[in-house]
Amino acid sequence: MARGQRKTIEDKIRDKQEIIDKLRTRMEKEEEELEDLYQQKREMYYRSIVQMMEEAELSETEASEAIRFYIENRETAHV
């Protein structure tokens, strides 16, 4: 039985380059989607912090001081 025409090396190179180009495009799209997910996660985190501050009726300054106090005490407790 006769086989189809064999591809030249140039055809094979072009085919591989097309595959690589498509994969790069796909990776770029996936990376953009991943960054969007990280952004959503950060926004959810920030919203939860703001909600806790509002529930505790803390200003930004008070919250900063409370966190600073916690960090300082945590560090001295582990020494």
PDB file of N, CA and C in Angstrom:
ATOM      1  N   MET A   1       0.830  -1.182   0.000  1.00  0.00           N
ATOM      2  CA  MET A   1       0.000   0.000   0.000  1.00  0.00           C
ATOM      3  C   MET A   1       0.876   1.248   0.000  1.00  0.00           C
ATOM      4  N   ALA A   2       0.439   2.205  -0.709  1.00  0.00           N
ATOM      5  CA  ALA A   2       1.201   3.447  -0.794  1.00  0.00           C
ATOM      6  C   ALA A   2       0.868   4.331   0.404  1.00  0.00           C
ATOM      7  N   ARG A   3       1.887   4.912   0.927  1.00  0.00           N
ATOM      8  CA  ARG A   3       1.712   5.853   2.033  1.00  0.00           C
ATOM      9  C   ARG A   3       1.566   7.250   1.466  1.00  0.00           C
ATOM     10  N   GLY A   4       1.079   8.165   2.337  1.00  0.00           N
ATOM     11  CA  GLY A   4       0.982   9.556   1.910  1.00  0.00           C
ATOM     12  C   GLY A   4       2.362  10.146   1.721  1.00  0.00           C
ATOM     13  N   GLN A   5       2.385  11.312   1.144  1.00  0.00           N
ATOM     14  CA  GLN A   5       3.657  11.977   0.908  1.00  0.00           C
ATOM     15  C   GLN A   5       4.339  12.280   2.235  1.00  0.00           C
ATOM     16  N   ARG A   6       5.617  12.023   2.313  1.00  0.00           N
ATOM     17  CA  ARG A   6       6.389  12.273   3.531  1.00  0.00           C
ATOM     18  C   ARG A   6       6.627  13.770   3.678  1.00  0.00           C
ATOM     19  N   LYS A   7       6.617  14.220   4.925  1.00  0.00           N
ATOM     20  CA  LYS A   7       6.864  15.635   5.207  1.00  0.00           C
ATOM     21  C   LYS A   7       8.350  15.941   5.087  1.00  0.00           C
ATOM     22  N   THR A   8       8.624  17.119   4.589  1.00  0.00           N
ATOM     23  CA  THR A   8      10.025  17.553   4.543  1.00  0.00           C
ATOM     24  C   THR A   8      10.425  18.014   5.935  1.00  0.00           C
ATOM     25  N   ILE A   9      11.690  18.169   6.136  1.00  0.00           N
ATOM     26  CA  ILE A   9      12.191  18.648   7.422  1.00  0.00           C
ATOM     27  C   ILE A   9      11.667  20.051   7.690  1.00  0.00           C
ATOM     28  N   GLU A  10      11.548  20.865   6.638  1.00  0.00           N
ATOM     29  CA  GLU A  10      11.012  22.213   6.798  1.00  0.00           C
ATOM     30  C   GLU A  10       9.564  22.169   7.285  1.00  0.00           C
ATOM     31  N   ASP A  11       8.781  21.251   6.750  1.00  0.00           N
ATOM     32  CA  ASP A  11       7.392  21.092   7.196  1.00  0.00           C
ATOM     33  C   ASP A  11       7.333  20.662   8.654  1.00  0.00           C
ATOM     34  N   LYS A  12       8.203  19.742   9.025  1.00  0.00           N
ATOM     35  CA  LYS A  12       8.240  19.273  10.409  1.00  0.00           C
ATOM     36  C   LYS A  12       8.627  20.410  11.348  1.00  0.00           C
ATOM     37  N   ILE A  13       9.620  21.209  10.940  1.00  0.00           N
ATOM     38  CA  ILE A  13      10.043  22.348  11.764  1.00  0.00           C
ATOM     39  C   ILE A  13       8.896  23.337  11.915  1.00  0.00           C
ATOM     40  N   ARG A  14       8.227  23.658  10.816  1.00  0.00           N
ATOM     41  CA  ARG A  14       7.104  24.596  10.851  1.00  0.00           C
ATOM     42  C   ARG A  14       5.979  24.068  11.755  1.00  0.00           C
ATOM     43  N   ASP A  15       5.687  22.781  11.652  1.00  0.00           N
ATOM     44  CA  ASP A  15       4.641  22.179  12.500  1.00  0.00           C
ATOM     45  C   ASP A  15       4.998  22.289  13.978  1.00  0.00           C
ATOM     46  N   LYS A  16       6.247  21.996  14.316  1.00  0.00           N
ATOM     47  CA  LYS A  16       6.677  22.080  15.713  1.00  0.00           C
ATOM     48  C   LYS A  16       6.636  23.513  16.203  1.00  0.00           C
ATOM     49  N   GLN A  17       7.053  24.460  15.354  1.00  0.00           N
ATOM     50  CA  GLN A  17       7.021  25.863  15.753  1.00  0.00           C
ATOM     51  C   GLN A  17       5.585  26.316  16.002  1.00  0.00           C
ATOM     52  N   GLU A  18       4.652  25.856  15.172  1.00  0.00           N
ATOM     53  CA  GLU A  18       3.239  26.201  15.380  1.00  0.00           C
ATOM     54  C   GLU A  18       2.732  25.652  16.710  1.00  0.00           C
ATOM     55  N   ILE A  19       3.111  24.431  17.019  1.00  0.00           N
ATOM     56  CA  ILE A  19       2.706  23.830  18.294  1.00  0.00           C
ATOM     57  C   ILE A  19       3.265  24.639  19.459  1.00  0.00           C
ATOM     58  N   ILE A  20       4.540  24.996  19.379  1.00  0.00           N
ATOM     59  CA  ILE A  20       5.187  25.771  20.452  1.00  0.00           C
ATOM     60  C   ILE A  20       4.510  27.128  20.602  1.00  0.00           C
ATOM     61  N   ASP A  21       4.220  27.786  19.474  1.00  0.00           N
ATOM     62  CA  ASP A  21       3.550  29.093  19.525  1.00  0.00           C
ATOM     63  C   ASP A  21       2.185  28.981  20.198  1.00  0.00           C
ATOM     64  N   LYS A  22       1.432  27.952  19.859  1.00  0.00           N
ATOM     65  CA  LYS A  22       0.110  27.748  20.471  1.00  0.00           C
ATOM     66  C   LYS A  22       0.235  27.485  21.971  1.00  0.00           C
ATOM     67  N   LEU A  23       1.243  26.705  22.350  1.00  0.00           N
ATOM     68  CA  LEU A  23       1.462  26.420  23.769  1.00  0.00           C
ATOM     69  C   LEU A  23       1.850  27.686  24.527  1.00  0.00           C
ATOM     70  N   ARG A  24       2.686  28.531  23.918  1.00  0.00           N
ATOM     71  CA  ARG A  24       3.056  29.791  24.568  1.00  0.00           C
ATOM     72  C   ARG A  24       1.832  30.672  24.779  1.00  0.00           C
ATOM     73  N   THR A  25       0.997  30.751  23.767  1.00  0.00           N
ATOM     74  CA  THR A  25      -0.227  31.540  23.886  1.00  0.00           C
ATOM     75  C   THR A  25      -1.100  30.988  24.998  1.00  0.00           C
ATOM     76  N   ARG A  26      -1.215  29.688  25.057  1.00  0.00           N
ATOM     77  CA  ARG A  26      -2.028  29.044  26.098  1.00  0.00           C
ATOM     78  C   ARG A  26      -1.446  29.322  27.475  1.00  0.00           C
ATOM     79  N   MET A  27      -0.115  29.237  27.604  1.00  0.00           N
ATOM     80  CA  MET A  27       0.524  29.502  28.901  1.00  0.00           C
ATOM     81  C   MET A  27       0.300  30.940  29.329  1.00  0.00           C
ATOM     82  N   GLU A  28       0.395  31.880  28.402  1.00  0.00           N
ATOM     83  CA  GLU A  28       0.164  33.279  28.737  1.00  0.00           C
ATOM     84  C   GLU A  28      -1.259  33.471  29.254  1.00  0.00           C
ATOM     85  N   LYS A  29      -2.209  32.843  28.587  1.00  0.00           N
ATOM     86  CA  LYS A  29      -3.609  32.942  29.014  1.00  0.00           C
ATOM     87  C   LYS A  29      -3.794  32.325  30.397  1.00  0.00           C
ATOM     88  N   GLU A  30      -3.189  31.173  30.632  1.00  0.00           N
ATOM     89  CA  GLU A  30      -3.298  30.503  31.929  1.00  0.00           C
ATOM     90  C   GLU A  30      -2.657  31.350  33.029  1.00  0.00           C
ATOM     91  N   GLU A  31      -1.516  31.982  32.723  1.00  0.00           N
ATOM     92  CA  GLU A  31      -0.853  32.837  33.705  1.00  0.00           C
ATOM     93  C   GLU A  31      -1.719  34.051  34.045  1.00  0.00           C
ATOM     94  N   GLU A  32      -2.387  34.610  33.048  1.00  0.00           N
ATOM     95  CA  GLU A  32      -3.288  35.737  33.297  1.00  0.00           C
ATOM     96  C   GLU A  32      -4.450  35.304  34.193  1.00  0.00           C
ATOM     97  N   GLU A  33      -5.008  34.129  33.916  1.00  0.00           N
ATOM     98  CA  GLU A  33      -6.103  33.625  34.735  1.00  0.00           C
ATOM     99  C   GLU A  33      -5.633  33.353  36.162  1.00  0.00           C
ATOM    100  N   LEU A  34      -4.420  32.834  36.307  1.00  0.00           N
ATOM    101  CA  LEU A  34      -3.870  32.572  37.635  1.00  0.00           C
ATOM    102  C   LEU A  34      -3.690  33.872  38.396  1.00  0.00           C
ATOM    103  N   GLU A  35      -3.178  34.899  37.735  1.00  0.00           N
ATOM    104  CA  GLU A  35      -2.997  36.190  38.388  1.00  0.00           C
ATOM    105  C   GLU A  35      -4.353  36.766  38.806  1.00  0.00           C
ATOM    106  N   ASP A  36      -5.366  36.593  37.973  1.00  0.00           N
ATOM    107  CA  ASP A  36      -6.711  37.041  38.337  1.00  0.00           C
ATOM    108  C   ASP A  36      -7.202  36.322  39.598  1.00  0.00           C
ATOM    109  N   LEU A  37      -6.930  35.030  39.692  1.00  0.00           N
ATOM    110  CA  LEU A  37      -7.341  34.273  40.875  1.00  0.00           C
ATOM    111  C   LEU A  37      -6.608  34.755  42.122  1.00  0.00           C
ATOM    112  N   TYR A  38      -5.299  35.032  41.987  1.00  0.00           N
ATOM    113  CA  TYR A  38      -4.554  35.578  43.124  1.00  0.00           C
ATOM    114  C   TYR A  38      -5.124  36.932  43.546  1.00  0.00           C
ATOM    115  N   GLN A  39      -5.501  37.749  42.575  1.00  0.00           N
ATOM    116  CA  GLN A  39      -6.079  39.054  42.876  1.00  0.00           C
ATOM    117  C   GLN A  39      -7.412  38.885  43.617  1.00  0.00           C
ATOM    118  N   GLN A  40      -8.232  37.960  43.164  1.00  0.00           N
ATOM    119  CA  GLN A  40      -9.501  37.692  43.847  1.00  0.00           C
ATOM    120  C   GLN A  40      -9.260  37.243  45.286  1.00  0.00           C
ATOM    121  N   LYS A  41      -8.262  36.395  45.463  1.00  0.00           N
ATOM    122  CA  LYS A  41      -7.935  35.903  46.804  1.00  0.00           C
ATOM    123  C   LYS A  41      -7.508  37.053  47.708  1.00  0.00           C
ATOM    124  N   ARG A  42      -6.648  37.956  47.197  1.00  0.00           N
ATOM    125  CA  ARG A  42      -6.219  39.112  47.980  1.00  0.00           C
ATOM    126  C   ARG A  42      -7.405  39.999  48.346  1.00  0.00           C
ATOM    127  N   GLU A  43      -8.294  40.222  47.380  1.00  0.00           N
ATOM    128  CA  GLU A  43      -9.452  41.068  47.643  1.00  0.00           C
ATOM    129  C   GLU A  43     -10.358  40.459  48.720  1.00  0.00           C
ATOM    130  N   MET A  44     -10.544  39.140  48.667  1.00  0.00           N
ATOM    131  CA  MET A  44     -11.351  38.465  49.692  1.00  0.00           C
ATOM    132  C   MET A  44     -10.691  38.612  51.057  1.00  0.00           C
ATOM    133  N   TYR A  45      -9.369  38.472  51.099  1.00  0.00           N
ATOM    134  CA  TYR A  45      -8.613  38.599  52.336  1.00  0.00           C
ATOM    135  C   TYR A  45      -8.763  40.009  52.900  1.00  0.00           C
ATOM    136  N   TYR A  46      -8.575  41.017  52.046  1.00  0.00           N
ATOM    137  CA  TYR A  46      -8.696  42.405  52.499  1.00  0.00           C
ATOM    138  C   TYR A  46     -10.104  42.707  52.987  1.00  0.00           C
ATOM    139  N   ARG A  47     -11.098  42.201  52.278  1.00  0.00           N
ATOM    140  CA  ARG A  47     -12.484  42.421  52.711  1.00  0.00           C
ATOM    141  C   ARG A  47     -12.740  41.810  54.082  1.00  0.00           C
ATOM    142  N   SER A  48     -12.176  40.628  54.336  1.00  0.00           N
ATOM    143  CA  SER A  48     -12.387  39.992  55.635  1.00  0.00           C
ATOM    144  C   SER A  48     -11.715  40.798  56.747  1.00  0.00           C
ATOM    145  N   ILE A  49     -10.551  41.363  56.451  1.00  0.00           N
ATOM    146  CA  ILE A  49      -9.865  42.186  57.452  1.00  0.00           C
ATOM    147  C   ILE A  49     -10.679  43.455  57.733  1.00  0.00           C
ATOM    148  N   VAL A  50     -11.146  44.096  56.668  1.00  0.00           N
ATOM    149  CA  VAL A  50     -11.948  45.310  56.844  1.00  0.00           C
ATOM    150  C   VAL A  50     -13.217  44.989  57.626  1.00  0.00           C
ATOM    151  N   GLN A  51     -13.832  43.858  57.337  1.00  0.00           N
ATOM    152  CA  GLN A  51     -15.044  43.463  58.058  1.00  0.00           C
ATOM    153  C   GLN A  51     -14.749  43.262  59.541  1.00  0.00           C
ATOM    154  N   MET A  52     -13.628  42.605  59.865  1.00  0.00           N
ATOM    155  CA  MET A  52     -13.257  42.426  61.269  1.00  0.00           C
ATOM    156  C   MET A  52     -13.028  43.766  61.951  1.00  0.00           C
ATOM    157  N   MET A  53     -12.373  44.681  61.242  1.00  0.00           N
ATOM    158  CA  MET A  53     -12.123  46.008  61.806  1.00  0.00           C
ATOM    159  C   MET A  53     -13.434  46.736  62.064  1.00  0.00           C
ATOM    160  N   GLU A  54     -14.353  46.641  61.119  1.00  0.00           N
ATOM    161  CA  GLU A  54     -15.641  47.314  61.283  1.00  0.00           C
ATOM    162  C   GLU A  54     -16.421  46.724  62.453  1.00  0.00           C
ATOM    163  N   GLU A  55     -16.407  45.385  62.564  1.00  0.00           N
ATOM    164  CA  GLU A  55     -17.121  44.727  63.656  1.00  0.00           C
ATOM    165  C   GLU A  55     -16.528  45.114  65.002  1.00  0.00           C
ATOM    166  N   ALA A  56     -15.220  45.280  65.048  1.00  0.00           N
ATOM    167  CA  ALA A  56     -14.542  45.652  66.297  1.00  0.00           C
ATOM    168  C   ALA A  56     -14.505  47.169  66.485  1.00  0.00           C
ATOM    169  N   GLU A  57     -15.008  47.893  65.496  1.00  0.00           N
ATOM    170  CA  GLU A  57     -15.010  49.359  65.511  1.00  0.00           C
ATOM    171  C   GLU A  57     -13.597  49.907  65.698  1.00  0.00           C
ATOM    172  N   LEU A  58     -12.658  49.338  64.936  1.00  0.00           N
ATOM    173  CA  LEU A  58     -11.264  49.773  64.974  1.00  0.00           C
ATOM    174  C   LEU A  58     -10.971  50.672  63.776  1.00  0.00           C
ATOM    175  N   SER A  59     -10.227  51.735  64.030  1.00  0.00           N
ATOM    176  CA  SER A  59      -9.743  52.568  62.931  1.00  0.00           C
ATOM    177  C   SER A  59      -8.516  51.881  62.331  1.00  0.00           C
ATOM    178  N   GLU A  60      -8.051  52.411  61.208  1.00  0.00           N
ATOM    179  CA  GLU A  60      -6.844  51.855  60.601  1.00  0.00           C
ATOM    180  C   GLU A  60      -5.652  51.991  61.549  1.00  0.00           C
ATOM    181  N   THR A  61      -5.580  53.117  62.220  1.00  0.00           N
ATOM    182  CA  THR A  61      -4.476  53.350  63.165  1.00  0.00           C
ATOM    183  C   THR A  61      -4.540  52.359  64.315  1.00  0.00           C
ATOM    184  N   GLU A  62      -5.730  52.165  64.870  1.00  0.00           N
ATOM    185  CA  GLU A  62      -5.878  51.214  65.982  1.00  0.00           C
ATOM    186  C   GLU A  62      -5.540  49.796  65.535  1.00  0.00           C
ATOM    187  N   ALA A  63      -5.975  49.435  64.346  1.00  0.00           N
ATOM    188  CA  ALA A  63      -5.675  48.091  63.844  1.00  0.00           C
ATOM    189  C   ALA A  63      -4.176  47.927  63.645  1.00  0.00           C
ATOM    190  N   SER A  64      -3.524  48.952  63.097  1.00  0.00           N
ATOM    191  CA  SER A  64      -2.067  48.899  62.912  1.00  0.00           C
ATOM    192  C   SER A  64      -1.351  48.749  64.242  1.00  0.00           C
ATOM    193  N   GLU A  65      -1.779  49.518  65.217  1.00  0.00           N
ATOM    194  CA  GLU A  65      -1.159  49.439  66.547  1.00  0.00           C
ATOM    195  C   GLU A  65      -1.368  48.066  67.170  1.00  0.00           C
ATOM    196  N   ALA A  66      -2.569  47.512  67.006  1.00  0.00           N
ATOM    197  CA  ALA A  66      -2.851  46.189  67.562  1.00  0.00           C
ATOM    198  C   ALA A  66      -1.977  45.126  66.905  1.00  0.00           C
ATOM    199  N   ILE A  67      -1.803  45.221  65.600  1.00  0.00           N
ATOM    200  CA  ILE A  67      -0.959  44.254  64.893  1.00  0.00           C
ATOM    201  C   ILE A  67       0.498  44.420  65.314  1.00  0.00           C
ATOM    202  N   ARG A  68       0.948  45.658  65.405  1.00  0.00           N
ATOM    203  CA  ARG A  68       2.333  45.927  65.828  1.00  0.00           C
ATOM    204  C   ARG A  68       2.564  45.380  67.235  1.00  0.00           C
ATOM    205  N   PHE A  69       1.605  45.612  68.134  1.00  0.00           N
ATOM    206  CA  PHE A  69       1.692  45.111  69.501  1.00  0.00           C
ATOM    207  C   PHE A  69       1.767  43.582  69.505  1.00  0.00           C
ATOM    208  N   TYR A  70       0.929  42.949  68.710  1.00  0.00           N
ATOM    209  CA  TYR A  70       0.922  41.486  68.621  1.00  0.00           C
ATOM    210  C   TYR A  70       2.276  40.967  68.142  1.00  0.00           C
ATOM    211  N   ILE A  71       2.804  41.590  67.096  1.00  0.00           N
ATOM    212  CA  ILE A  71       4.087  41.145  66.539  1.00  0.00           C
ATOM    213  C   ILE A  71       5.201  41.285  67.569  1.00  0.00           C
ATOM    214  N   GLU A  72       5.242  42.406  68.243  1.00  0.00           N
ATOM    215  CA  GLU A  72       6.287  42.627  69.247  1.00  0.00           C
ATOM    216  C   GLU A  72       6.176  41.610  70.385  1.00  0.00           C
ATOM    217  N   ASN A  73       4.989  41.337  70.834  1.00  0.00           N
ATOM    218  CA  ASN A  73       4.806  40.384  71.929  1.00  0.00           C
ATOM    219  C   ASN A  73       5.042  38.952  71.477  1.00  0.00           C
ATOM    220  N   ARG A  74       4.697  38.654  70.274  1.00  0.00           N
ATOM    221  CA  ARG A  74       4.937  37.313  69.743  1.00  0.00           C
ATOM    222  C   ARG A  74       6.423  37.057  69.671  1.00  0.00           C
ATOM    223  N   GLU A  75       7.192  38.025  69.213  1.00  0.00           N
ATOM    224  CA  GLU A  75       8.632  37.871  69.091  1.00  0.00           C
ATOM    225  C   GLU A  75       9.288  37.700  70.457  1.00  0.00           C
ATOM    226  N   THR A  76       8.858  38.453  71.462  1.00  0.00           N
ATOM    227  CA  THR A  76       9.468  38.336  72.785  1.00  0.00           C
ATOM    228  C   THR A  76       9.033  37.041  73.466  1.00  0.00           C
ATOM    229  N   ALA A  77       7.855  36.530  73.140  1.00  0.00           N
ATOM    230  CA  ALA A  77       7.377  35.287  73.750  1.00  0.00           C
ATOM    231  C   ALA A  77       8.141  34.089  73.238  1.00  0.00           C
ATOM    232  N   HIS A  78       8.694  34.179  72.029  1.00  0.00           N
ATOM    233  CA  HIS A  78       9.436  33.061  71.440  1.00  0.00           C
ATOM    234  C   HIS A  78      10.925  33.089  71.744  1.00  0.00           C
ATOM    235  N   VAL A  79      11.377  34.110  72.439  1.00  0.00           N
ATOM    236  CA  VAL A  79      12.828  34.225  72.724  1.00  0.00           C
ATOM    237  C   VAL A  79      13.206  33.413  73.918  1.00  0.00           C
TER     238      VAL A  79
END
